[in-house]
Amino acid sequence: MMEVVKENTYKTGEYFMTMRVAITGKRISPPLNESMEILGKKECLKRVKMKINSRFPASGDRSLL
């Protein structure tokens, strides 16, 4: 995930907090990497996609998915 942060010049803390909320639904949670490992790749991607879709419901741009 650090590659995404660096390539897009995101602020590290903001990026990981956004990911934490998208994946766990909370700002305070167990460590993000461990949460992602427990949930698995498929479930994590599903949750991130749902968060993107809820944030940009009218967007026809699916390139973020």
C-alpha atoms as a PDB file:
ATOM      1  CA  MET A   1       0.000   0.000   0.000  1.00  0.00           C
ATOM      2  CA  MET A   2       2.947   2.323   0.519  1.00  0.00           C
ATOM      3  CA  GLU A   3       3.564   2.205  -3.242  1.00  0.00           C
ATOM      4  CA  VAL A   4       0.104   3.691  -3.810  1.00  0.00           C
ATOM      5  CA  VAL A   5       0.826   6.441  -1.277  1.00  0.00           C
ATOM      6  CA  LYS A   6       4.150   7.342  -2.870  1.00  0.00           C
ATOM      7  CA  GLU A   7       2.989   7.109  -6.496  1.00  0.00           C
ATOM      8  CA  ASN A   8       0.031   9.403  -5.844  1.00  0.00           C
ATOM      9  CA  THR A   9       1.712  11.687  -3.272  1.00  0.00           C
ATOM     10  CA  TYR A  10      -1.033  11.007  -0.722  1.00  0.00           C
ATOM     11  CA  LYS A  11      -0.497  11.894   2.910  1.00  0.00           C
ATOM     12  CA  THR A  12       0.307   8.608   4.627  1.00  0.00           C
ATOM     13  CA  GLY A  13      -1.880   9.121   7.700  1.00  0.00           C
ATOM     14  CA  GLU A  14      -4.904  10.232   5.716  1.00  0.00           C
ATOM     15  CA  TYR A  15      -4.590   7.350   3.264  1.00  0.00           C
ATOM     16  CA  PHE A  16      -4.338   4.688   5.933  1.00  0.00           C
ATOM     17  CA  MET A  17      -7.165   6.186   7.997  1.00  0.00           C
ATOM     18  CA  THR A  18      -9.365   6.153   4.896  1.00  0.00           C
ATOM     19  CA  MET A  19      -8.437   2.518   4.267  1.00  0.00           C
ATOM     20  CA  ARG A  20      -9.063   1.640   7.929  1.00  0.00           C
ATOM     21  CA  VAL A  21     -12.557   3.135   7.838  1.00  0.00           C
ATOM     22  CA  ALA A  22     -13.350   1.514   4.487  1.00  0.00           C
ATOM     23  CA  ILE A  23     -12.219  -1.915   5.657  1.00  0.00           C
ATOM     24  CA  THR A  24     -13.240  -1.985   9.335  1.00  0.00           C
ATOM     25  CA  GLY A  25     -15.947   0.673   9.419  1.00  0.00           C
ATOM     26  CA  LYS A  26     -14.241   2.427  12.337  1.00  0.00           C
ATOM     27  CA  ARG A  27     -11.549   5.025  12.933  1.00  0.00           C
ATOM     28  CA  ILE A  28     -10.224   3.008  15.857  1.00  0.00           C
ATOM     29  CA  SER A  29      -9.660  -0.677  15.174  1.00  0.00           C
ATOM     30  CA  PRO A  30      -7.146  -3.457  15.549  1.00  0.00           C
ATOM     31  CA  PRO A  31      -4.044  -3.029  13.363  1.00  0.00           C
ATOM     32  CA  LEU A  32      -5.038  -2.566   9.720  1.00  0.00           C
ATOM     33  CA  ASN A  33      -2.697  -5.190   8.252  1.00  0.00           C
ATOM     34  CA  GLU A  34      -3.929  -7.839  10.665  1.00  0.00           C
ATOM     35  CA  SER A  35      -7.555  -6.890  10.024  1.00  0.00           C
ATOM     36  CA  MET A  36      -6.985  -7.205   6.288  1.00  0.00           C
ATOM     37  CA  GLU A  37      -5.297 -10.576   6.719  1.00  0.00           C
ATOM     38  CA  ILE A  38      -8.198 -11.930   8.785  1.00  0.00           C
ATOM     39  CA  LEU A  39     -10.841 -10.627   6.374  1.00  0.00           C
ATOM     40  CA  GLY A  40      -8.980 -11.762   3.265  1.00  0.00           C
ATOM     41  CA  LYS A  41      -8.324 -10.027  -0.026  1.00  0.00           C
ATOM     42  CA  LYS A  42     -11.762 -10.637  -1.539  1.00  0.00           C
ATOM     43  CA  GLU A  43     -13.641  -9.159   1.438  1.00  0.00           C
ATOM     44  CA  CYS A  44     -11.258  -6.186   1.738  1.00  0.00           C
ATOM     45  CA  LEU A  45     -11.674  -5.329  -1.943  1.00  0.00           C
ATOM     46  CA  LYS A  46     -15.447  -5.661  -1.619  1.00  0.00           C
ATOM     47  CA  ARG A  47     -15.491  -3.236   1.320  1.00  0.00           C
ATOM     48  CA  VAL A  48     -13.235  -0.694  -0.398  1.00  0.00           C
ATOM     49  CA  LYS A  49     -15.390  -0.842  -3.548  1.00  0.00           C
ATOM     50  CA  MET A  50     -18.551  -0.348  -1.463  1.00  0.00           C
ATOM     51  CA  LYS A  51     -16.992   2.698   0.199  1.00  0.00           C
ATOM     52  CA  ILE A  52     -15.966   4.172  -3.164  1.00  0.00           C
ATOM     53  CA  ASN A  53     -19.439   3.564  -4.576  1.00  0.00           C
ATOM     54  CA  SER A  54     -21.123   5.145  -1.556  1.00  0.00           C
ATOM     55  CA  ARG A  55     -18.830   8.175  -1.807  1.00  0.00           C
ATOM     56  CA  PHE A  56     -19.253   8.630  -5.575  1.00  0.00           C
ATOM     57  CA  PRO A  57     -22.659   7.095  -6.392  1.00  0.00           C
ATOM     58  CA  ALA A  58     -23.239   9.128  -9.560  1.00  0.00           C
ATOM     59  CA  SER A  59     -19.746   8.600 -10.928  1.00  0.00           C
ATOM     60  CA  GLY A  60     -19.504   6.616 -14.126  1.00  0.00           C
ATOM     61  CA  ASP A  61     -15.737   6.338 -13.665  1.00  0.00           C
ATOM     62  CA  ARG A  62     -15.063   2.740 -12.641  1.00  0.00           C
ATOM     63  CA  SER A  63     -11.280   3.064 -13.024  1.00  0.00           C
ATOM     64  CA  LEU A  64     -10.854   3.252  -9.242  1.00  0.00           C
ATOM     65  CA  LEU A  65     -12.276  -0.246  -8.925  1.00  0.00           C
END
